[in-house]
Structures are given as C-alpha cells and as structure tokens.
Amino acid sequence: MTSLTGKKIVVTAGPTIEAIDPVRFLSNRSSGKQGYLIAEALAHRGADVRLVSGPVCLPCPFDVTRIEVESACEMLAAVEAELPADVFIAVAAVSDWRPAETRARKAEKSALATTLHLVENPDILRTIATRKTGRPDLVIGFAAETHDVLERARAKRRRKDCDWIIANDVSGDVMGGDENAVWLISDHEEIVWPRTQKAGIAALLSDRIVAAFSGI
C-alpha cells in the first residue's frame, strides 16, 4: 500500500474556547496551522479526512470534511460521531478547564475574581485511546511542552494510552508560527524531525502513517 486510499482519519485542530459569559471565554494560543496541514497532507495521500476544528482563521483544506466546534465537550462529541475510523490524530490544543456554568448575562468584573468556578474538561485523547469498542487502529497525540519536552511527552503517551505521541517544544514562536521541530515517540523508537516548515512536518507524519499501514 503506497497511499491512504480507503482509510478514514479523524484529526482535531486549533484551540477550544470555553464560554464564561456572552463576552468572555477561556482559550489558548493555538493557531490550528499544524493540524490543518496534517489534514491536508493526509487527504493528498488519499485518506478520507474528517477535520474537527476549534475556532481558527484558516480555510478548509481541499478534499477535507471540516466539522466546526467551539468547546472541548463539543469536540469530543464530534470526534465520537465520526467513529469508526482507522486513525485518530489529536492535534488540537484542548482547554484543560471550563467554567462550571456559562452565565447568560455579562458578569461584573469584581464578581468573577471570587465566583468563577472551573471544572476539568474531558480528556479527548485518552477517551478515544481507551475505548473498549471502535478504537482506531492508530491513535496519535501531541504534547506541546515548554520544558523537559521528551520526558513529559513520554509520560503523557503512557498516561493517555496512545500509540504515538508527537512532542514539540513551544517555548519559542511555534504556536502561531510556520515552523516546528518535533519528536515522534512510540513503543519502539524515537524519531527526531528537525525544525522545518509545518507543512514538512505534516508530510513526514503522513508518510509515517502510510508506512505503518503498509507494514514497512
């Protein structure tokens, strides 16, 4: 097999936003660029790609089906609705926390400091990786770290029960930028992909997935 024709791949990308009230929300700096480029590269190799995207300012890649969401709970529901799939790639920077309640009216600034209560969001990667039925054959996570990158990524892969994890150092200009440098970590190997354009990282990962399904 030299392509991904006939394979369904679900990719998450971008940030999630968690509404506090009609004006404010919790989020992060993810631009969605790496996830969108991965979706594009996979589609170029023939895969049926479903891109579950948080709010970003990016056009949908050609031949990719995009499902737009805002919150982490919406993202998990959208991913589960696309299963079964052959591969799941969790590139999105999912907000760790959300307000326990979303206020219908704009809250007073003074009140938020003392009354904003946060609850933990669902762990999308682990939820999919530990499914008893319908688990994708290959589950890939991302670990965006600012320090102890490899050590923290290895621990995250074990904790999440995913097959591969892509570790990247985001202490510089990676989030929102056009370049990335990553490590692919699996049970059997750790591969370094030096800093290059994010499109290059997407191509390398796509080729690796092709190789995995080809038994190379």
Protein backbone atom coordinates (compact mmCIF):
# COMPACT_ATOMS: atom_id res chain seq x y z
CA MET A 1 0.00 0.00 0.00
CA THR A 2 1.54 3.30 -1.09
CA SER A 3 -1.31 5.63 -0.16
CA LEU A 4 -4.08 6.01 2.41
CA THR A 5 -6.93 5.42 -0.02
CA GLY A 6 -9.79 3.73 1.81
CA LYS A 7 -8.61 4.89 5.25
CA LYS A 8 -10.75 7.20 7.35
CA ILE A 9 -8.74 9.56 9.54
CA VAL A 10 -10.12 11.95 12.17
CA VAL A 11 -7.92 14.95 13.02
CA THR A 12 -8.55 17.60 15.67
CA ALA A 13 -7.02 21.05 15.28
CA GLY A 14 -6.97 24.53 16.73
CA PRO A 15 -7.93 25.69 20.20
CA THR A 16 -11.15 25.17 22.06
CA ILE A 17 -12.93 28.08 23.73
CA GLU A 18 -14.90 27.77 26.94
CA ALA A 19 -17.50 30.46 27.44
CA ILE A 20 -17.64 32.35 30.75
CA ASP A 21 -20.43 34.67 29.66
CA PRO A 22 -21.56 36.18 26.32
CA VAL A 23 -18.38 38.31 26.21
CA ARG A 24 -15.54 36.36 27.85
CA PHE A 25 -14.05 32.91 27.39
CA LEU A 26 -11.06 30.73 28.29
CA SER A 27 -8.78 29.58 25.46
CA ASN A 28 -5.14 29.31 24.34
CA ARG A 29 -2.74 30.45 21.61
CA SER A 30 -3.16 27.58 19.12
CA SER A 31 -3.49 28.78 15.51
CA GLY A 32 -4.55 25.41 14.10
CA LYS A 33 -1.86 25.58 11.38
CA GLN A 34 -0.17 22.26 12.14
CA GLY A 35 -3.42 20.33 12.38
CA TYR A 36 -4.78 21.81 9.16
CA LEU A 37 -1.56 20.98 7.30
CA ILE A 38 -1.67 17.41 8.62
CA ALA A 39 -5.26 17.06 7.42
CA GLU A 40 -4.24 18.42 4.01
CA ALA A 41 -1.27 16.06 3.71
CA LEU A 42 -3.39 13.03 4.62
CA ALA A 43 -6.07 13.96 2.08
CA HIS A 44 -3.33 14.35 -0.55
CA ARG A 45 -2.41 10.71 0.13
CA GLY A 46 -5.96 9.58 -0.49
CA ALA A 47 -7.41 9.41 3.03
CA ASP A 48 -10.99 10.31 3.88
CA VAL A 49 -10.16 13.07 6.37
CA ARG A 50 -12.58 14.50 8.91
CA LEU A 51 -11.16 17.66 10.48
CA VAL A 52 -12.77 18.55 13.81
CA SER A 53 -11.71 22.13 14.29
CA GLY A 54 -11.92 24.70 17.02
CA PRO A 55 -12.25 28.39 16.05
CA VAL A 56 -9.42 29.38 13.67
CA CYS A 57 -8.88 31.80 10.77
CA LEU A 58 -7.88 29.17 8.22
CA PRO A 59 -9.55 27.89 5.05
CA CYS A 60 -10.61 24.26 4.98
CA PRO A 61 -8.03 22.16 3.11
CA PHE A 62 -9.06 20.77 -0.26
CA ASP A 63 -10.89 17.43 -0.17
CA VAL A 64 -11.22 17.53 3.64
CA THR A 65 -14.52 17.45 5.54
CA ARG A 66 -14.43 20.05 8.32
CA ILE A 67 -16.64 19.91 11.42
CA GLU A 68 -16.54 23.18 13.34
CA VAL A 69 -16.84 23.19 17.13
CA GLU A 70 -16.07 25.56 19.97
CA SER A 71 -15.80 23.78 23.31
CA ALA A 72 -13.94 20.66 24.41
CA CYS A 73 -17.22 18.86 25.06
CA GLU A 74 -18.39 19.68 21.54
CA MET A 75 -15.09 18.48 20.13
CA LEU A 76 -15.30 15.12 21.91
CA ALA A 77 -18.89 14.61 20.73
CA ALA A 78 -17.89 15.45 17.15
CA VAL A 79 -14.95 13.03 17.22
CA GLU A 80 -17.07 10.21 18.61
CA ALA A 81 -19.71 10.88 15.95
CA GLU A 82 -17.06 10.26 13.26
CA LEU A 83 -16.07 6.84 14.60
CA PRO A 84 -15.33 4.20 13.50
CA ALA A 85 -12.10 5.43 11.90
CA ASP A 86 -8.74 3.89 11.09
CA VAL A 87 -6.66 6.69 12.62
CA PHE A 88 -7.27 9.42 15.19
CA ILE A 89 -4.80 12.31 15.47
CA ALA A 90 -5.33 14.71 18.39
CA VAL A 91 -3.50 17.87 17.30
CA ALA A 92 -5.92 20.35 18.91
CA ALA A 93 -4.87 22.32 21.97
CA VAL A 94 -7.87 21.49 24.11
CA SER A 95 -8.59 23.77 27.06
CA ASP A 96 -7.91 21.89 30.28
CA TRP A 97 -10.68 23.64 32.19
CA ARG A 98 -14.09 25.21 31.59
CA PRO A 99 -16.38 27.30 33.78
CA ALA A 100 -18.76 25.17 35.80
CA GLU A 101 -21.55 27.31 34.38
CA THR A 102 -21.84 29.74 31.48
CA ARG A 103 -23.55 32.95 32.54
CA ALA A 104 -26.41 34.17 30.40
CA ARG A 105 -25.50 37.83 31.04
CA LYS A 106 -22.15 39.60 31.20
CA ALA A 107 -20.73 39.13 34.68
CA GLU A 108 -19.40 42.01 36.73
CA LYS A 109 -15.60 42.06 36.72
CA SER A 110 -15.42 42.22 40.51
CA ALA A 111 -17.63 39.14 40.81
CA LEU A 112 -15.56 36.92 38.54
CA ALA A 113 -12.49 37.02 40.78
CA THR A 114 -14.38 35.39 43.62
CA THR A 115 -17.11 33.35 41.92
CA LEU A 116 -15.55 31.83 38.78
CA HIS A 117 -15.51 28.09 39.41
CA LEU A 118 -13.69 25.80 36.95
CA VAL A 119 -14.20 22.11 36.21
CA GLU A 120 -11.95 19.80 34.24
CA ASN A 121 -12.71 19.20 30.58
CA PRO A 122 -12.98 15.69 29.12
CA ASP A 123 -9.69 14.10 28.06
CA ILE A 124 -10.39 13.56 24.37
CA LEU A 125 -7.18 11.72 23.54
CA ARG A 126 -7.42 9.24 26.42
CA THR A 127 -11.15 8.75 25.87
CA ILE A 128 -10.56 7.62 22.29
CA ALA A 129 -7.37 5.67 23.06
CA THR A 130 -9.03 3.61 25.80
CA ARG A 131 -12.30 2.79 24.01
CA LYS A 132 -13.33 -0.83 24.52
CA THR A 133 -15.01 -0.98 21.12
CA GLY A 134 -14.35 1.01 17.99
CA ARG A 135 -10.88 2.17 18.94
CA PRO A 136 -8.98 3.37 15.86
CA ASP A 137 -6.07 1.15 14.81
CA LEU A 138 -3.66 4.05 15.30
CA VAL A 139 -4.14 6.79 17.91
CA ILE A 140 -1.68 9.69 17.82
CA GLY A 141 -1.42 12.53 20.33
CA PHE A 142 0.53 15.76 20.50
CA ALA A 143 2.49 17.03 23.50
CA ALA A 144 3.16 20.76 23.38
CA GLU A 145 5.69 21.47 26.13
CA THR A 146 7.91 24.36 27.19
CA HIS A 147 10.44 22.36 29.25
CA ASP A 148 11.57 18.75 29.81
CA VAL A 149 9.93 18.08 26.46
CA LEU A 150 10.88 14.44 25.87
CA GLU A 151 10.42 13.34 29.48
CA ARG A 152 6.98 14.92 29.70
CA ALA A 153 5.92 13.59 26.29
CA ARG A 154 6.95 10.02 27.17
CA ALA A 155 4.93 10.25 30.38
CA LYS A 156 1.95 11.68 28.51
CA ARG A 157 1.97 8.83 25.98
CA ARG A 158 1.86 6.28 28.79
CA ARG A 159 -0.84 8.22 30.63
CA LYS A 160 -3.04 8.64 27.58
CA ASP A 161 -2.55 5.07 26.24
CA CYS A 162 -1.97 6.36 22.72
CA ASP A 163 0.22 4.55 20.17
CA TRP A 164 2.38 7.50 19.11
CA ILE A 165 2.91 10.94 20.53
CA ILE A 166 4.41 13.93 18.75
CA ALA A 167 6.44 16.05 21.15
CA ASN A 168 7.18 19.65 20.29
CA ASP A 169 8.84 22.50 22.16
CA VAL A 170 6.52 25.51 22.10
CA SER A 171 8.66 27.78 24.28
CA GLY A 172 9.57 29.92 21.26
CA ASP A 173 7.49 31.01 18.29
CA VAL A 174 5.95 27.63 17.37
CA MET A 175 2.36 28.45 18.38
CA GLY A 176 1.10 30.66 15.60
CA GLY A 177 4.32 30.34 13.61
CA ASP A 178 5.05 28.49 10.38
CA GLU A 179 7.85 26.21 11.61
CA ASN A 180 8.05 23.30 14.02
CA ALA A 181 10.56 20.78 15.34
CA VAL A 182 9.23 17.54 16.79
CA TRP A 183 9.98 14.05 18.06
CA LEU A 184 7.80 11.08 17.19
CA ILE A 185 7.69 8.72 20.17
CA SER A 186 6.31 5.18 20.08
CA ASP A 187 6.88 1.93 21.97
CA HIS A 188 9.81 1.04 19.76
CA GLU A 189 11.54 4.24 18.68
CA GLU A 190 12.02 7.96 18.98
CA ILE A 191 12.48 9.86 15.73
CA VAL A 192 13.74 13.45 15.55
CA TRP A 193 12.35 15.72 12.84
CA PRO A 194 14.45 18.92 12.95
CA ARG A 195 12.95 22.37 12.67
CA THR A 196 11.30 22.91 9.32
CA GLN A 197 8.10 24.28 7.83
CA LYS A 198 4.97 22.86 9.44
CA ALA A 199 3.96 21.56 6.01
CA GLY A 200 7.15 19.48 6.05
CA ILE A 201 6.27 18.01 9.46
CA ALA A 202 2.79 17.17 8.14
CA ALA A 203 4.30 15.39 5.13
CA LEU A 204 6.71 13.38 7.31
CA LEU A 205 3.92 12.28 9.66
CA SER A 206 1.67 11.33 6.75
CA ASP A 207 4.43 9.25 5.18
CA ARG A 208 4.99 7.53 8.52
CA ILE A 209 1.30 6.63 8.72
CA VAL A 210 1.41 5.24 5.19
CA ALA A 211 4.42 3.13 6.20
CA ALA A 212 2.62 1.88 9.33
CA PHE A 213 -0.32 0.60 7.33
CA SER A 214 1.98 -0.84 4.68
CA GLY A 215 3.87 -2.85 7.29
CA ILE A 216 7.16 -1.21 6.35
